[in-house]
Amino acid sequence: MKALLTAALLVGVIIALGPANASVDMGKGAPVLKAAAGSKADAHIAEGIDHYNQGHWDVAQKHFSEAAKADPQSAEAHYDLALALDKAGDHKAATEHFKTAYDLGKNNPEIQNSGILKAHLKMK
């Protein structure tokens, strides 16, 4: 009986923690970033941020994708899109957009010092 209870407890803990590789999501608290001043991506990023903050990852992803199309040089649009993709579990695409954000956002310390970005890009 004790072994059965121990096994049940262990299963409960495993379920509560979820699969170990379910999400890199080391940036649970990683904030989405507003568009740089004058960016053509501003309206889409603002809309995406609203949805992201409500946990609507798929809708946020669409707006951030539109932002990246409207202003392909917007590091913030690519960064925000990467965050939404990570939340949705698409880590390959998230990594691609984190790389683009890193390359474009050389003057943005929030991007350059992002823990989740560094985790995806396997940086120290």
C-alpha atoms as a PDB file:
ATOM      1  CA  MET A   1       0.000   0.000   0.000  1.00  0.00           C
ATOM      2  CA  LYS A   2       2.844   2.395   0.856  1.00  0.00           C
ATOM      3  CA  ALA A   3       4.465   1.706  -2.523  1.00  0.00           C
ATOM      4  CA  LEU A   4       1.179   2.475  -4.275  1.00  0.00           C
ATOM      5  CA  LEU A   5       0.849   5.803  -2.467  1.00  0.00           C
ATOM      6  CA  THR A   6       4.458   6.685  -3.285  1.00  0.00           C
ATOM      7  CA  ALA A   7       3.885   5.853  -6.952  1.00  0.00           C
ATOM      8  CA  ALA A   8       0.694   7.936  -7.023  1.00  0.00           C
ATOM      9  CA  LEU A   9       2.512  10.876  -5.444  1.00  0.00           C
ATOM     10  CA  LEU A  10       5.326  10.592  -7.965  1.00  0.00           C
ATOM     11  CA  VAL A  11       2.868  10.538 -10.879  1.00  0.00           C
ATOM     12  CA  GLY A  12       1.163  13.630  -9.435  1.00  0.00           C
ATOM     13  CA  VAL A  13       4.465  15.490  -9.232  1.00  0.00           C
ATOM     14  CA  ILE A  14       5.366  14.534 -12.804  1.00  0.00           C
ATOM     15  CA  ILE A  15       1.982  15.725 -14.067  1.00  0.00           C
ATOM     16  CA  ALA A  16       2.289  18.977 -12.131  1.00  0.00           C
ATOM     17  CA  LEU A  17       5.733  19.709 -13.538  1.00  0.00           C
ATOM     18  CA  GLY A  18       4.823  18.742 -17.086  1.00  0.00           C
ATOM     19  CA  PRO A  19       7.218  17.354 -19.669  1.00  0.00           C
ATOM     20  CA  ALA A  20      10.786  18.522 -19.146  1.00  0.00           C
ATOM     21  CA  ASN A  21      11.171  19.635 -22.755  1.00  0.00           C
ATOM     22  CA  ALA A  22       7.734  21.172 -23.235  1.00  0.00           C
ATOM     23  CA  SER A  23       9.049  24.699 -23.494  1.00  0.00           C
ATOM     24  CA  VAL A  24      12.289  26.578 -23.212  1.00  0.00           C
ATOM     25  CA  ASP A  25      10.195  29.418 -21.749  1.00  0.00           C
ATOM     26  CA  MET A  26      13.016  30.550 -19.478  1.00  0.00           C
ATOM     27  CA  GLY A  27      11.642  33.992 -20.036  1.00  0.00           C
ATOM     28  CA  LYS A  28       8.354  33.551 -18.207  1.00  0.00           C
ATOM     29  CA  GLY A  29       8.785  37.103 -17.059  1.00  0.00           C
ATOM     30  CA  ALA A  30      10.435  38.287 -20.271  1.00  0.00           C
ATOM     31  CA  PRO A  31       8.505  41.378 -21.265  1.00  0.00           C
ATOM     32  CA  VAL A  32       7.422  42.055 -24.809  1.00  0.00           C
ATOM     33  CA  LEU A  33       8.965  45.211 -26.215  1.00  0.00           C
ATOM     34  CA  LYS A  34       7.315  48.283 -27.678  1.00  0.00           C
ATOM     35  CA  ALA A  35       8.237  49.366 -31.175  1.00  0.00           C
ATOM     36  CA  ALA A  36      11.071  51.820 -31.653  1.00  0.00           C
ATOM     37  CA  ALA A  37       9.968  55.398 -32.256  1.00  0.00           C
ATOM     38  CA  GLY A  38       8.743  55.910 -35.799  1.00  0.00           C
ATOM     39  CA  SER A  39       8.536  52.217 -36.643  1.00  0.00           C
ATOM     40  CA  LYS A  40       5.901  51.134 -39.159  1.00  0.00           C
ATOM     41  CA  ALA A  41       5.371  48.139 -36.858  1.00  0.00           C
ATOM     42  CA  ASP A  42       4.032  50.244 -33.975  1.00  0.00           C
ATOM     43  CA  ALA A  43       0.284  49.561 -34.350  1.00  0.00           C
ATOM     44  CA  HIS A  44       0.739  45.816 -34.852  1.00  0.00           C
ATOM     45  CA  ILE A  45       3.140  45.548 -31.917  1.00  0.00           C
ATOM     46  CA  ALA A  46       0.762  47.465 -29.635  1.00  0.00           C
ATOM     47  CA  GLU A  47      -2.099  45.153 -30.584  1.00  0.00           C
ATOM     48  CA  GLY A  48       0.125  42.107 -30.188  1.00  0.00           C
ATOM     49  CA  ILE A  49       1.233  43.229 -26.729  1.00  0.00           C
ATOM     50  CA  ASP A  50      -2.401  43.495 -25.605  1.00  0.00           C
ATOM     51  CA  HIS A  51      -3.104  39.929 -26.707  1.00  0.00           C
ATOM     52  CA  TYR A  52       0.213  38.588 -25.397  1.00  0.00           C
ATOM     53  CA  ASN A  53      -0.511  40.010 -21.955  1.00  0.00           C
ATOM     54  CA  GLN A  54      -3.882  38.233 -22.003  1.00  0.00           C
ATOM     55  CA  GLY A  55      -2.263  34.909 -22.894  1.00  0.00           C
ATOM     56  CA  HIS A  56      -3.637  34.870 -26.456  1.00  0.00           C
ATOM     57  CA  TRP A  57      -0.364  33.585 -27.916  1.00  0.00           C
ATOM     58  CA  ASP A  58      -1.779  32.740 -31.353  1.00  0.00           C
ATOM     59  CA  VAL A  59      -3.411  36.154 -31.836  1.00  0.00           C
ATOM     60  CA  ALA A  60      -0.327  37.946 -30.505  1.00  0.00           C
ATOM     61  CA  GLN A  61       1.804  35.883 -32.876  1.00  0.00           C
ATOM     62  CA  LYS A  62      -0.278  37.051 -35.860  1.00  0.00           C
ATOM     63  CA  HIS A  63       0.075  40.711 -34.885  1.00  0.00           C
ATOM     64  CA  PHE A  64       3.818  40.411 -34.254  1.00  0.00           C
ATOM     65  CA  SER A  65       4.204  38.634 -37.589  1.00  0.00           C
ATOM     66  CA  GLU A  66       2.388  41.508 -39.299  1.00  0.00           C
ATOM     67  CA  ALA A  67       4.654  43.929 -37.423  1.00  0.00           C
ATOM     68  CA  ALA A  68       7.750  42.137 -38.749  1.00  0.00           C
ATOM     69  CA  LYS A  69       6.312  42.328 -42.276  1.00  0.00           C
ATOM     70  CA  ALA A  70       5.468  46.028 -41.905  1.00  0.00           C
ATOM     71  CA  ASP A  71       8.970  46.813 -40.629  1.00  0.00           C
ATOM     72  CA  PRO A  72      11.408  43.958 -41.350  1.00  0.00           C
ATOM     73  CA  GLN A  73      14.200  45.935 -39.633  1.00  0.00           C
ATOM     74  CA  SER A  74      12.296  46.129 -36.337  1.00  0.00           C
ATOM     75  CA  ALA A  75      14.291  44.116 -33.816  1.00  0.00           C
ATOM     76  CA  GLU A  76      11.414  44.504 -31.363  1.00  0.00           C
ATOM     77  CA  ALA A  77       8.892  42.977 -33.779  1.00  0.00           C
ATOM     78  CA  HIS A  78      11.108  39.928 -34.291  1.00  0.00           C
ATOM     79  CA  TYR A  79      11.822  39.657 -30.560  1.00  0.00           C
ATOM     80  CA  ASP A  80       8.130  39.844 -29.637  1.00  0.00           C
ATOM     81  CA  LEU A  81       7.258  37.340 -32.355  1.00  0.00           C
ATOM     82  CA  ALA A  82       9.916  35.004 -30.968  1.00  0.00           C
ATOM     83  CA  LEU A  83       8.410  35.282 -27.472  1.00  0.00           C
ATOM     84  CA  ALA A  84       4.940  34.440 -28.775  1.00  0.00           C
ATOM     85  CA  LEU A  85       6.293  31.529 -30.815  1.00  0.00           C
ATOM     86  CA  ASP A  86       8.102  30.220 -27.747  1.00  0.00           C
ATOM     87  CA  LYS A  87       4.900  30.402 -25.699  1.00  0.00           C
ATOM     88  CA  ALA A  88       3.108  28.493 -28.462  1.00  0.00           C
ATOM     89  CA  GLY A  89       5.812  25.804 -28.431  1.00  0.00           C
ATOM     90  CA  ASP A  90       7.344  26.556 -31.853  1.00  0.00           C
ATOM     91  CA  HIS A  91      10.924  26.750 -30.627  1.00  0.00           C
ATOM     92  CA  LYS A  92      12.576  26.389 -34.031  1.00  0.00           C
ATOM     93  CA  ALA A  93      10.790  29.446 -35.422  1.00  0.00           C
ATOM     94  CA  ALA A  94      11.298  31.291 -32.111  1.00  0.00           C
ATOM     95  CA  THR A  95      15.049  30.712 -32.376  1.00  0.00           C
ATOM     96  CA  GLU A  96      15.104  32.099 -35.925  1.00  0.00           C
ATOM     97  CA  HIS A  97      13.339  35.292 -34.848  1.00  0.00           C
ATOM     98  CA  PHE A  98      15.493  35.653 -31.720  1.00  0.00           C
ATOM     99  CA  LYS A  99      18.551  35.474 -34.012  1.00  0.00           C
ATOM    100  CA  THR A 100      17.102  38.174 -36.271  1.00  0.00           C
ATOM    101  CA  ALA A 101      16.223  40.325 -33.245  1.00  0.00           C
ATOM    102  CA  TYR A 102      19.738  39.905 -31.863  1.00  0.00           C
ATOM    103  CA  ASP A 103      21.325  40.890 -35.182  1.00  0.00           C
ATOM    104  CA  LEU A 104      19.039  43.905 -35.701  1.00  0.00           C
ATOM    105  CA  GLY A 105      18.927  45.038 -32.078  1.00  0.00           C
ATOM    106  CA  LYS A 106      22.603  45.684 -31.395  1.00  0.00           C
ATOM    107  CA  ASN A 107      21.700  48.982 -29.658  1.00  0.00           C
ATOM    108  CA  ASN A 108      18.871  47.513 -27.565  1.00  0.00           C
ATOM    109  CA  PRO A 109      20.163  46.193 -24.222  1.00  0.00           C
ATOM    110  CA  GLU A 110      16.816  44.514 -23.464  1.00  0.00           C
ATOM    111  CA  ILE A 111      17.325  42.328 -26.513  1.00  0.00           C
ATOM    112  CA  GLN A 112      21.061  41.847 -26.144  1.00  0.00           C
ATOM    113  CA  ASN A 113      20.748  40.827 -22.467  1.00  0.00           C
ATOM    114  CA  SER A 114      17.596  38.719 -22.773  1.00  0.00           C
ATOM    115  CA  GLY A 115      17.875  35.406 -20.962  1.00  0.00           C
ATOM    116  CA  ILE A 116      15.345  33.636 -23.150  1.00  0.00           C
ATOM    117  CA  LEU A 117      17.057  34.893 -26.317  1.00  0.00           C
ATOM    118  CA  LYS A 118      20.415  33.662 -25.027  1.00  0.00           C
ATOM    119  CA  ALA A 119      18.887  30.294 -24.117  1.00  0.00           C
ATOM    120  CA  HIS A 120      17.496  29.856 -27.632  1.00  0.00           C
ATOM    121  CA  LEU A 121      20.731  30.960 -29.266  1.00  0.00           C
ATOM    122  CA  LYS A 122      22.760  28.841 -26.824  1.00  0.00           C
ATOM    123  CA  MET A 123      24.753  31.836 -25.627  1.00  0.00           C
ATOM    124  CA  LYS A 124      26.258  32.268 -22.187  1.00  0.00           C
END
